[in-house]
Amino acid sequence: MCGCRRDAGATKGPAVNVQYLTGSTRSWPLEELYEAGFRGIEVTPECLADPGRWLPASRALGMSIVAVNAMSLLRPYLTGSLTDNVTWRRRETVARLTDTLGAMTELGIPRLIVAPSRLAEIYQTPDEARQLLVAGLRTLADAGDREVLLVGAPFRLFWSSSATASVVDEVARPNVGAALDVGHALLADEQPDAAAAVLGARLRYVQVHDADIRPGRMRVDQHFVPGDGSLRREALMAALAGRQWTLNATAGDDPVGAARRALAWMGAG
């Protein structure tokens, strides 16, 4: 059982990644989102560089900071990878994530969301990439008491729920678990309720957006608003099952309207 602190991110109410929703790190409509029904926010490492833009307003509203989504730090060949076979680059990525964990501890943010590499590096087998991923996750887990949650991401190694579960089991740390991105699960031909069942007790957090998986359509990770793609409401609600969840949809033109529409479609508004 995880011994992590459940401080500022302990809310079980709906949360939202406002940077994804608005396409910006500035001028977040937090009051409108709170009035819509959201009680928490997910942020990115970039947001931690200047929390003054959003932290006072979120605290004034009583909106918890539920997680840091580190996907922007884990873009292979661009910003970093936990499975990079160039030692200094991999260590630099782990160091940046460790710094993020330190900032999270200061702010009371309980969860860090990470993902595996897109592909095994040149002259690197998938098994070698797995060994580096496991080692990196253990290093992050041992850096403090924050939860480190592995999420499957489109077209990367260890994408499926069963592969994610296997990696989490091999890491064998109480503060390492799994997150489920339901849009990513759809792109992997997994319904979110089935993926959640495979992840079982490892699953500690759910990210919600939609994807278009109709036959003949190109599969792209576009982070649709729930209800605008192929997501089935019943399968989604079964995957949530009382877990902390965050809306990770993109809707720059009308972010508050899109967020309200998502809650209404889910019956959570």
C-alpha atoms as a PDB file:
ATOM      1  CA  MET A   1       0.000   0.000   0.000  1.00  0.00           C
ATOM      2  CA  CYS A   2       1.341   3.411  -0.949  1.00  0.00           C
ATOM      3  CA  GLY A   3       2.565   5.550   1.928  1.00  0.00           C
ATOM      4  CA  CYS A   4       2.436   8.768  -0.095  1.00  0.00           C
ATOM      5  CA  ARG A   5       1.066  11.927   1.452  1.00  0.00           C
ATOM      6  CA  ARG A   6      -2.401  12.882   0.244  1.00  0.00           C
ATOM      7  CA  ASP A   7      -2.107  16.607   0.716  1.00  0.00           C
ATOM      8  CA  ALA A   8      -3.204  19.305  -1.732  1.00  0.00           C
ATOM      9  CA  GLY A   9      -4.190  16.817  -4.457  1.00  0.00           C
ATOM     10  CA  ALA A  10      -6.542  14.704  -2.357  1.00  0.00           C
ATOM     11  CA  THR A  11      -9.749  15.913  -4.021  1.00  0.00           C
ATOM     12  CA  LYS A  12     -11.940  13.341  -5.733  1.00  0.00           C
ATOM     13  CA  GLY A  13     -13.890  15.967  -7.656  1.00  0.00           C
ATOM     14  CA  PRO A  14     -13.405  16.542 -11.384  1.00  0.00           C
ATOM     15  CA  ALA A  15     -10.101  18.166 -12.325  1.00  0.00           C
ATOM     16  CA  VAL A  16      -8.937  19.742 -15.575  1.00  0.00           C
ATOM     17  CA  ASN A  17      -5.633  20.388 -17.330  1.00  0.00           C
ATOM     18  CA  VAL A  18      -6.211  24.064 -18.109  1.00  0.00           C
ATOM     19  CA  GLN A  19      -3.094  24.375 -20.257  1.00  0.00           C
ATOM     20  CA  TYR A  20      -4.343  21.598 -22.544  1.00  0.00           C
ATOM     21  CA  LEU A  21      -7.857  23.032 -22.542  1.00  0.00           C
ATOM     22  CA  THR A  22      -6.897  26.607 -23.420  1.00  0.00           C
ATOM     23  CA  GLY A  23      -3.596  26.078 -25.233  1.00  0.00           C
ATOM     24  CA  SER A  24      -1.934  28.586 -22.923  1.00  0.00           C
ATOM     25  CA  THR A  25      -0.115  28.893 -19.599  1.00  0.00           C
ATOM     26  CA  ARG A  26      -1.633  32.361 -19.045  1.00  0.00           C
ATOM     27  CA  SER A  27      -5.034  33.860 -18.221  1.00  0.00           C
ATOM     28  CA  TRP A  28      -6.677  30.645 -17.075  1.00  0.00           C
ATOM     29  CA  PRO A  29     -10.466  30.919 -16.560  1.00  0.00           C
ATOM     30  CA  LEU A  30     -10.270  29.192 -13.174  1.00  0.00           C
ATOM     31  CA  GLU A  31     -13.315  30.898 -11.647  1.00  0.00           C
ATOM     32  CA  GLU A  32     -15.494  29.885 -14.608  1.00  0.00           C
ATOM     33  CA  LEU A  33     -14.177  26.311 -14.482  1.00  0.00           C
ATOM     34  CA  TYR A  34     -14.843  26.146 -10.755  1.00  0.00           C
ATOM     35  CA  GLU A  35     -18.397  27.367 -11.334  1.00  0.00           C
ATOM     36  CA  ALA A  36     -18.772  24.681 -14.015  1.00  0.00           C
ATOM     37  CA  GLY A  37     -17.969  22.008 -11.438  1.00  0.00           C
ATOM     38  CA  PHE A  38     -14.214  21.428 -11.545  1.00  0.00           C
ATOM     39  CA  ARG A  39     -12.490  21.147  -8.186  1.00  0.00           C
ATOM     40  CA  GLY A  40      -8.888  20.471  -9.170  1.00  0.00           C
ATOM     41  CA  ILE A  41      -6.302  21.166 -11.842  1.00  0.00           C
ATOM     42  CA  GLU A  42      -3.520  19.182 -13.468  1.00  0.00           C
ATOM     43  CA  VAL A  43      -0.429  21.163 -14.475  1.00  0.00           C
ATOM     44  CA  THR A  44       2.701  20.626 -16.559  1.00  0.00           C
ATOM     45  CA  PRO A  45       6.327  21.136 -15.479  1.00  0.00           C
ATOM     46  CA  GLU A  46       6.323  24.441 -17.367  1.00  0.00           C
ATOM     47  CA  CYS A  47       3.624  25.709 -15.032  1.00  0.00           C
ATOM     48  CA  LEU A  48       5.843  25.020 -12.016  1.00  0.00           C
ATOM     49  CA  ALA A  49       8.385  27.528 -13.316  1.00  0.00           C
ATOM     50  CA  ASP A  50       5.963  30.377 -12.555  1.00  0.00           C
ATOM     51  CA  PRO A  51       3.234  29.212 -10.166  1.00  0.00           C
ATOM     52  CA  GLY A  52       2.352  32.821  -9.398  1.00  0.00           C
ATOM     53  CA  ARG A  53       0.291  32.879 -12.592  1.00  0.00           C
ATOM     54  CA  TRP A  54      -2.173  30.287 -11.354  1.00  0.00           C
ATOM     55  CA  LEU A  55      -1.485  29.082  -7.810  1.00  0.00           C
ATOM     56  CA  PRO A  56      -2.938  32.019  -5.822  1.00  0.00           C
ATOM     57  CA  ALA A  57      -6.142  31.953  -7.866  1.00  0.00           C
ATOM     58  CA  SER A  58      -6.523  28.180  -7.556  1.00  0.00           C
ATOM     59  CA  ARG A  59      -5.923  28.330  -3.802  1.00  0.00           C
ATOM     60  CA  ALA A  60      -8.413  31.154  -3.401  1.00  0.00           C
ATOM     61  CA  LEU A  61     -11.046  28.981  -5.070  1.00  0.00           C
ATOM     62  CA  GLY A  62     -10.043  25.862  -3.137  1.00  0.00           C
ATOM     63  CA  MET A  63      -9.019  23.998  -6.323  1.00  0.00           C
ATOM     64  CA  SER A  64      -6.487  21.268  -5.530  1.00  0.00           C
ATOM     65  CA  ILE A  65      -3.454  20.637  -7.723  1.00  0.00           C
ATOM     66  CA  VAL A  66      -3.946  16.941  -8.372  1.00  0.00           C
ATOM     67  CA  ALA A  67      -0.981  16.033 -10.590  1.00  0.00           C
ATOM     68  CA  VAL A  68       1.898  17.141 -12.783  1.00  0.00           C
ATOM     69  CA  ASN A  69       1.687  15.759 -16.306  1.00  0.00           C
ATOM     70  CA  ALA A  70       5.312  15.387 -17.454  1.00  0.00           C
ATOM     71  CA  MET A  71       4.604  14.393 -21.064  1.00  0.00           C
ATOM     72  CA  SER A  72       6.197  17.623 -22.304  1.00  0.00           C
ATOM     73  CA  LEU A  73       9.510  16.537 -20.729  1.00  0.00           C
ATOM     74  CA  LEU A  74       9.275  13.082 -22.283  1.00  0.00           C
ATOM     75  CA  ARG A  75       9.221  13.630 -26.029  1.00  0.00           C
ATOM     76  CA  PRO A  76      11.924  11.374 -27.435  1.00  0.00           C
ATOM     77  CA  TYR A  77      14.597  13.169 -29.506  1.00  0.00           C
ATOM     78  CA  LEU A  78      13.115  16.558 -28.513  1.00  0.00           C
ATOM     79  CA  THR A  79      12.977  17.050 -24.748  1.00  0.00           C
ATOM     80  CA  GLY A  80      13.941  13.748 -23.179  1.00  0.00           C
ATOM     81  CA  SER A  81      13.354  10.048 -22.681  1.00  0.00           C
ATOM     82  CA  LEU A  82      13.660   7.668 -19.753  1.00  0.00           C
ATOM     83  CA  THR A  83      14.975   5.024 -22.147  1.00  0.00           C
ATOM     84  CA  ASP A  84      17.553   7.090 -24.043  1.00  0.00           C
ATOM     85  CA  ASN A  85      20.632   4.924 -24.531  1.00  0.00           C
ATOM     86  CA  VAL A  86      22.913   7.980 -24.417  1.00  0.00           C
ATOM     87  CA  THR A  87      23.725   7.979 -20.710  1.00  0.00           C
ATOM     88  CA  TRP A  88      24.184  11.723 -20.164  1.00  0.00           C
ATOM     89  CA  ARG A  89      20.929  12.577 -21.956  1.00  0.00           C
ATOM     90  CA  ARG A  90      18.988  10.007 -19.949  1.00  0.00           C
ATOM     91  CA  ARG A  91      20.500  11.231 -16.687  1.00  0.00           C
ATOM     92  CA  GLU A  92      19.606  14.794 -17.634  1.00  0.00           C
ATOM     93  CA  THR A  93      15.978  13.763 -18.159  1.00  0.00           C
ATOM     94  CA  VAL A  94      15.870  11.969 -14.804  1.00  0.00           C
ATOM     95  CA  ALA A  95      17.449  15.021 -13.140  1.00  0.00           C
ATOM     96  CA  ARG A  96      14.791  17.339 -14.598  1.00  0.00           C
ATOM     97  CA  LEU A  97      12.042  15.028 -13.392  1.00  0.00           C
ATOM     98  CA  THR A  98      13.680  14.813  -9.967  1.00  0.00           C
ATOM     99  CA  ASP A  99      13.687  18.617  -9.799  1.00  0.00           C
ATOM    100  CA  THR A 100       9.998  18.539 -10.723  1.00  0.00           C
ATOM    101  CA  LEU A 101       9.351  16.123  -7.867  1.00  0.00           C
ATOM    102  CA  GLY A 102      11.079  18.534  -5.510  1.00  0.00           C
ATOM    103  CA  ALA A 103       8.848  21.392  -6.616  1.00  0.00           C
ATOM    104  CA  MET A 104       5.816  19.128  -6.255  1.00  0.00           C
ATOM    105  CA  THR A 105       6.760  18.342  -2.664  1.00  0.00           C
ATOM    106  CA  GLU A 106       7.004  22.062  -1.890  1.00  0.00           C
ATOM    107  CA  LEU A 107       3.564  22.690  -3.383  1.00  0.00           C
ATOM    108  CA  GLY A 108       1.932  19.531  -2.027  1.00  0.00           C
ATOM    109  CA  ILE A 109       1.195  17.986  -5.440  1.00  0.00           C
ATOM    110  CA  PRO A 110       0.884  14.218  -5.019  1.00  0.00           C
ATOM    111  CA  ARG A 111       1.299  12.669  -8.493  1.00  0.00           C
ATOM    112  CA  LEU A 112       3.765  12.784 -11.373  1.00  0.00           C
ATOM    113  CA  ILE A 113       2.545  11.316 -14.683  1.00  0.00           C
ATOM    114  CA  VAL A 114       5.284   9.880 -16.920  1.00  0.00           C
ATOM    115  CA  ALA A 115       5.363   7.849 -20.132  1.00  0.00           C
ATOM    116  CA  PRO A 116       7.803   5.510 -21.892  1.00  0.00           C
ATOM    117  CA  SER A 117       9.804   6.289 -24.996  1.00  0.00           C
ATOM    118  CA  ARG A 118       8.359   6.287 -28.487  1.00  0.00           C
ATOM    119  CA  LEU A 119      10.790   3.692 -29.837  1.00  0.00           C
ATOM    120  CA  ALA A 120      13.825   1.757 -28.742  1.00  0.00           C
ATOM    121  CA  GLU A 121      16.946   3.698 -29.613  1.00  0.00           C
ATOM    122  CA  ILE A 122      19.291   2.682 -32.425  1.00  0.00           C
ATOM    123  CA  TYR A 123      21.252  -0.424 -31.382  1.00  0.00           C
ATOM    124  CA  GLN A 124      18.863  -0.919 -28.461  1.00  0.00           C
ATOM    125  CA  THR A 125      16.405  -3.778 -28.088  1.00  0.00           C
ATOM    126  CA  PRO A 126      12.956  -3.295 -26.528  1.00  0.00           C
ATOM    127  CA  ASP A 127      14.149  -5.361 -23.564  1.00  0.00           C
ATOM    128  CA  GLU A 128      17.090  -3.009 -23.046  1.00  0.00           C
ATOM    129  CA  ALA A 129      14.708  -0.043 -23.253  1.00  0.00           C
ATOM    130  CA  ARG A 130      12.485  -1.701 -20.653  1.00  0.00           C
ATOM    131  CA  GLN A 131      15.428  -2.143 -18.287  1.00  0.00           C
ATOM    132  CA  LEU A 132      16.252   1.569 -18.542  1.00  0.00           C
ATOM    133  CA  LEU A 133      12.603   2.549 -18.019  1.00  0.00           C
ATOM    134  CA  VAL A 134      12.386   0.373 -14.900  1.00  0.00           C
ATOM    135  CA  ALA A 135      15.635   1.821 -13.554  1.00  0.00           C
ATOM    136  CA  GLY A 136      14.466   5.383 -14.216  1.00  0.00           C
ATOM    137  CA  LEU A 137      11.139   4.806 -12.494  1.00  0.00           C
ATOM    138  CA  ARG A 138      12.894   3.353  -9.465  1.00  0.00           C
ATOM    139  CA  THR A 139      15.191   6.375  -9.270  1.00  0.00           C
ATOM    140  CA  LEU A 140      12.211   8.742  -9.368  1.00  0.00           C
ATOM    141  CA  ALA A 141      10.291   6.684  -6.820  1.00  0.00           C
ATOM    142  CA  ASP A 142      13.242   6.698  -4.423  1.00  0.00           C
ATOM    143  CA  ALA A 143      13.643  10.498  -4.737  1.00  0.00           C
ATOM    144  CA  GLY A 144      10.741  11.224  -2.377  1.00  0.00           C
ATOM    145  CA  ASP A 145       7.207  10.322  -1.366  1.00  0.00           C
ATOM    146  CA  ARG A 146       5.320  11.514  -4.452  1.00  0.00           C
ATOM    147  CA  GLU A 147       3.452   8.973  -6.556  1.00  0.00           C
ATOM    148  CA  VAL A 148       5.050   8.270  -9.943  1.00  0.00           C
ATOM    149  CA  LEU A 149       2.422   6.963 -12.357  1.00  0.00           C
ATOM    150  CA  LEU A 150       3.191   5.374 -15.722  1.00  0.00           C
ATOM    151  CA  VAL A 151       0.701   6.025 -18.516  1.00  0.00           C
ATOM    152  CA  GLY A 152       0.555   4.288 -21.883  1.00  0.00           C
ATOM    153  CA  ALA A 153       0.933   6.723 -24.769  1.00  0.00           C
ATOM    154  CA  PRO A 154       0.162   6.271 -28.477  1.00  0.00           C
ATOM    155  CA  PHE A 155       2.737   4.575 -30.653  1.00  0.00           C
ATOM    156  CA  ARG A 156       5.282   4.211 -27.838  1.00  0.00           C
ATOM    157  CA  LEU A 157       6.758   1.174 -26.170  1.00  0.00           C
ATOM    158  CA  PHE A 158       4.685  -0.562 -23.474  1.00  0.00           C
ATOM    159  CA  TRP A 159       1.533   1.161 -24.720  1.00  0.00           C
ATOM    160  CA  SER A 160      -1.110  -1.395 -23.744  1.00  0.00           C
ATOM    161  CA  SER A 161      -2.585  -1.699 -20.270  1.00  0.00           C
ATOM    162  CA  SER A 162      -1.069  -5.165 -19.851  1.00  0.00           C
ATOM    163  CA  ALA A 163       2.403  -3.875 -20.773  1.00  0.00           C
ATOM    164  CA  THR A 164       2.013  -0.912 -18.401  1.00  0.00           C
ATOM    165  CA  ALA A 165       0.946  -3.258 -15.613  1.00  0.00           C
ATOM    166  CA  SER A 166       3.939  -5.499 -16.260  1.00  0.00           C
ATOM    167  CA  VAL A 167       6.403  -2.591 -16.035  1.00  0.00           C
ATOM    168  CA  VAL A 168       4.810  -1.287 -12.819  1.00  0.00           C
ATOM    169  CA  ASP A 169       5.076  -4.759 -11.288  1.00  0.00           C
ATOM    170  CA  GLU A 170       8.751  -5.023 -12.238  1.00  0.00           C
ATOM    171  CA  VAL A 171       9.532  -1.620 -10.712  1.00  0.00           C
ATOM    172  CA  ALA A 172       8.081  -2.909  -7.425  1.00  0.00           C
ATOM    173  CA  ARG A 173       7.913   0.369  -5.533  1.00  0.00           C
ATOM    174  CA  PRO A 174       4.871   1.286  -3.390  1.00  0.00           C
ATOM    175  CA  ASN A 175       4.710   4.798  -4.808  1.00  0.00           C
ATOM    176  CA  VAL A 176       4.856   3.658  -8.447  1.00  0.00           C
ATOM    177  CA  GLY A 177       1.546   2.862 -10.086  1.00  0.00           C
ATOM    178  CA  ALA A 178      -0.382   3.388 -13.302  1.00  0.00           C
ATOM    179  CA  ALA A 179      -2.440   6.176 -14.794  1.00  0.00           C
ATOM    180  CA  LEU A 180      -4.986   5.510 -17.530  1.00  0.00           C
ATOM    181  CA  ASP A 181      -5.505   7.923 -20.415  1.00  0.00           C
ATOM    182  CA  VAL A 182      -8.812   6.782 -21.873  1.00  0.00           C
ATOM    183  CA  GLY A 183      -8.206   8.402 -25.274  1.00  0.00           C
ATOM    184  CA  HIS A 184      -4.883   6.613 -25.563  1.00  0.00           C
ATOM    185  CA  ALA A 185      -6.579   3.363 -24.587  1.00  0.00           C
ATOM    186  CA  LEU A 186      -9.093   3.802 -27.402  1.00  0.00           C
ATOM    187  CA  LEU A 187      -6.278   4.341 -29.910  1.00  0.00           C
ATOM    188  CA  ALA A 188      -4.798   1.042 -28.684  1.00  0.00           C
ATOM    189  CA  ASP A 189      -8.173  -0.680 -29.311  1.00  0.00           C
ATOM    190  CA  GLU A 190      -8.894  -0.961 -25.594  1.00  0.00           C
ATOM    191  CA  GLN A 191     -12.110   0.227 -24.009  1.00  0.00           C
ATOM    192  CA  PRO A 192     -11.383   2.185 -20.814  1.00  0.00           C
ATOM    193  CA  ASP A 193     -13.328  -0.169 -18.545  1.00  0.00           C
ATOM    194  CA  ALA A 194     -11.392  -3.164 -19.874  1.00  0.00           C
ATOM    195  CA  ALA A 195      -8.077  -1.319 -19.529  1.00  0.00           C
ATOM    196  CA  ALA A 196      -8.939  -0.318 -15.957  1.00  0.00           C
ATOM    197  CA  ALA A 197      -9.739  -3.937 -15.135  1.00  0.00           C
ATOM    198  CA  VAL A 198      -6.333  -5.062 -16.449  1.00  0.00           C
ATOM    199  CA  LEU A 199      -4.533  -2.374 -14.442  1.00  0.00           C
ATOM    200  CA  GLY A 200      -6.506  -3.248 -11.320  1.00  0.00           C
ATOM    201  CA  ALA A 201      -5.099  -1.938  -8.047  1.00  0.00           C
ATOM    202  CA  ARG A 202      -2.161  -0.382  -9.910  1.00  0.00           C
ATOM    203  CA  LEU A 203      -4.539   2.245 -11.363  1.00  0.00           C
ATOM    204  CA  ARG A 204      -4.510   5.438  -9.283  1.00  0.00           C
ATOM    205  CA  TYR A 205      -5.485   8.206 -11.708  1.00  0.00           C
ATOM    206  CA  VAL A 206      -7.487   8.642 -14.930  1.00  0.00           C
ATOM    207  CA  GLN A 207      -7.059  11.210 -17.710  1.00  0.00           C
ATOM    208  CA  VAL A 208     -10.158  11.797 -19.832  1.00  0.00           C
ATOM    209  CA  HIS A 209     -10.443  12.788 -23.470  1.00  0.00           C
ATOM    210  CA  ASP A 210     -11.919  11.233 -26.588  1.00  0.00           C
ATOM    211  CA  ALA A 211     -10.481   9.740 -29.778  1.00  0.00           C
ATOM    212  CA  ASP A 212     -11.883   8.885 -33.202  1.00  0.00           C
ATOM    213  CA  ILE A 213     -11.339   5.195 -33.935  1.00  0.00           C
ATOM    214  CA  ARG A 214     -13.891   4.726 -36.693  1.00  0.00           C
ATOM    215  CA  PRO A 215     -12.814   2.342 -39.463  1.00  0.00           C
ATOM    216  CA  GLY A 216     -10.920   4.082 -42.239  1.00  0.00           C
ATOM    217  CA  ARG A 217     -10.030   7.112 -40.119  1.00  0.00           C
ATOM    218  CA  MET A 218      -6.405   8.018 -39.461  1.00  0.00           C
ATOM    219  CA  ARG A 219      -5.668   7.468 -35.785  1.00  0.00           C
ATOM    220  CA  VAL A 220      -4.362  10.689 -34.296  1.00  0.00           C
ATOM    221  CA  ASP A 221      -4.070  11.679 -30.633  1.00  0.00           C
ATOM    222  CA  GLN A 222      -6.211  14.828 -30.918  1.00  0.00           C
ATOM    223  CA  HIS A 223      -7.611  14.961 -27.363  1.00  0.00           C
ATOM    224  CA  PHE A 224     -11.240  15.456 -28.373  1.00  0.00           C
ATOM    225  CA  VAL A 225     -13.841  16.607 -25.851  1.00  0.00           C
ATOM    226  CA  PRO A 226     -15.644  13.517 -24.464  1.00  0.00           C
ATOM    227  CA  GLY A 227     -18.639  12.786 -26.637  1.00  0.00           C
ATOM    228  CA  ASP A 228     -17.000  14.076 -29.824  1.00  0.00           C
ATOM    229  CA  GLY A 229     -15.289  10.785 -30.699  1.00  0.00           C
ATOM    230  CA  SER A 230     -15.747   7.053 -30.160  1.00  0.00           C
ATOM    231  CA  LEU A 231     -15.750   6.987 -26.349  1.00  0.00           C
ATOM    232  CA  ARG A 232     -18.666   5.124 -24.774  1.00  0.00           C
ATOM    233  CA  ARG A 233     -20.020   6.826 -21.685  1.00  0.00           C
ATOM    234  CA  GLU A 234     -20.722   3.570 -19.842  1.00  0.00           C
ATOM    235  CA  ALA A 235     -17.193   2.289 -20.413  1.00  0.00           C
ATOM    236  CA  LEU A 236     -15.727   5.588 -19.241  1.00  0.00           C
ATOM    237  CA  MET A 237     -17.766   5.799 -16.058  1.00  0.00           C
ATOM    238  CA  ALA A 238     -16.873   2.211 -15.164  1.00  0.00           C
ATOM    239  CA  ALA A 239     -13.178   3.082 -15.546  1.00  0.00           C
ATOM    240  CA  LEU A 240     -13.522   6.114 -13.263  1.00  0.00           C
ATOM    241  CA  ALA A 241     -15.175   4.117 -10.462  1.00  0.00           C
ATOM    242  CA  GLY A 242     -14.537   6.760  -7.795  1.00  0.00           C
ATOM    243  CA  ARG A 243     -10.944   7.436  -8.900  1.00  0.00           C
ATOM    244  CA  GLN A 244      -9.442  10.879  -9.282  1.00  0.00           C
ATOM    245  CA  TRP A 245      -9.859  11.967 -12.891  1.00  0.00           C
ATOM    246  CA  THR A 246      -8.837  14.923 -15.007  1.00  0.00           C
ATOM    247  CA  LEU A 247     -10.236  16.321 -18.250  1.00  0.00           C
ATOM    248  CA  ASN A 248      -7.356  16.435 -20.748  1.00  0.00           C
ATOM    249  CA  ALA A 249      -9.246  17.683 -23.788  1.00  0.00           C
ATOM    250  CA  THR A 250      -8.167  20.549 -26.043  1.00  0.00           C
ATOM    251  CA  ALA A 251     -10.591  23.321 -26.998  1.00  0.00           C
ATOM    252  CA  GLY A 252      -8.830  26.633 -27.478  1.00  0.00           C
ATOM    253  CA  ASP A 253     -11.764  28.495 -29.085  1.00  0.00           C
ATOM    254  CA  ASP A 254     -14.279  27.956 -26.269  1.00  0.00           C
ATOM    255  CA  PRO A 255     -12.511  26.190 -23.394  1.00  0.00           C
ATOM    256  CA  VAL A 256     -15.109  26.803 -20.691  1.00  0.00           C
ATOM    257  CA  GLY A 257     -17.953  25.797 -22.988  1.00  0.00           C
ATOM    258  CA  ALA A 258     -16.103  22.623 -23.969  1.00  0.00           C
ATOM    259  CA  ALA A 259     -15.410  21.791 -20.331  1.00  0.00           C
ATOM    260  CA  ARG A 260     -19.080  22.259 -19.424  1.00  0.00           C
ATOM    261  CA  ARG A 261     -20.112  20.117 -22.396  1.00  0.00           C
ATOM    262  CA  ALA A 262     -17.762  17.340 -21.257  1.00  0.00           C
ATOM    263  CA  LEU A 263     -19.247  17.308 -17.750  1.00  0.00           C
ATOM    264  CA  ALA A 264     -22.779  17.328 -19.142  1.00  0.00           C
ATOM    265  CA  TRP A 265     -22.037  14.399 -21.460  1.00  0.00           C
ATOM    266  CA  MET A 266     -20.542  12.449 -18.588  1.00  0.00           C
ATOM    267  CA  GLY A 267     -23.449  13.314 -16.321  1.00  0.00           C
ATOM    268  CA  ALA A 268     -20.964  14.874 -13.898  1.00  0.00           C
ATOM    269  CA  GLY A 269     -22.026  18.505 -14.179  1.00  0.00           C
END
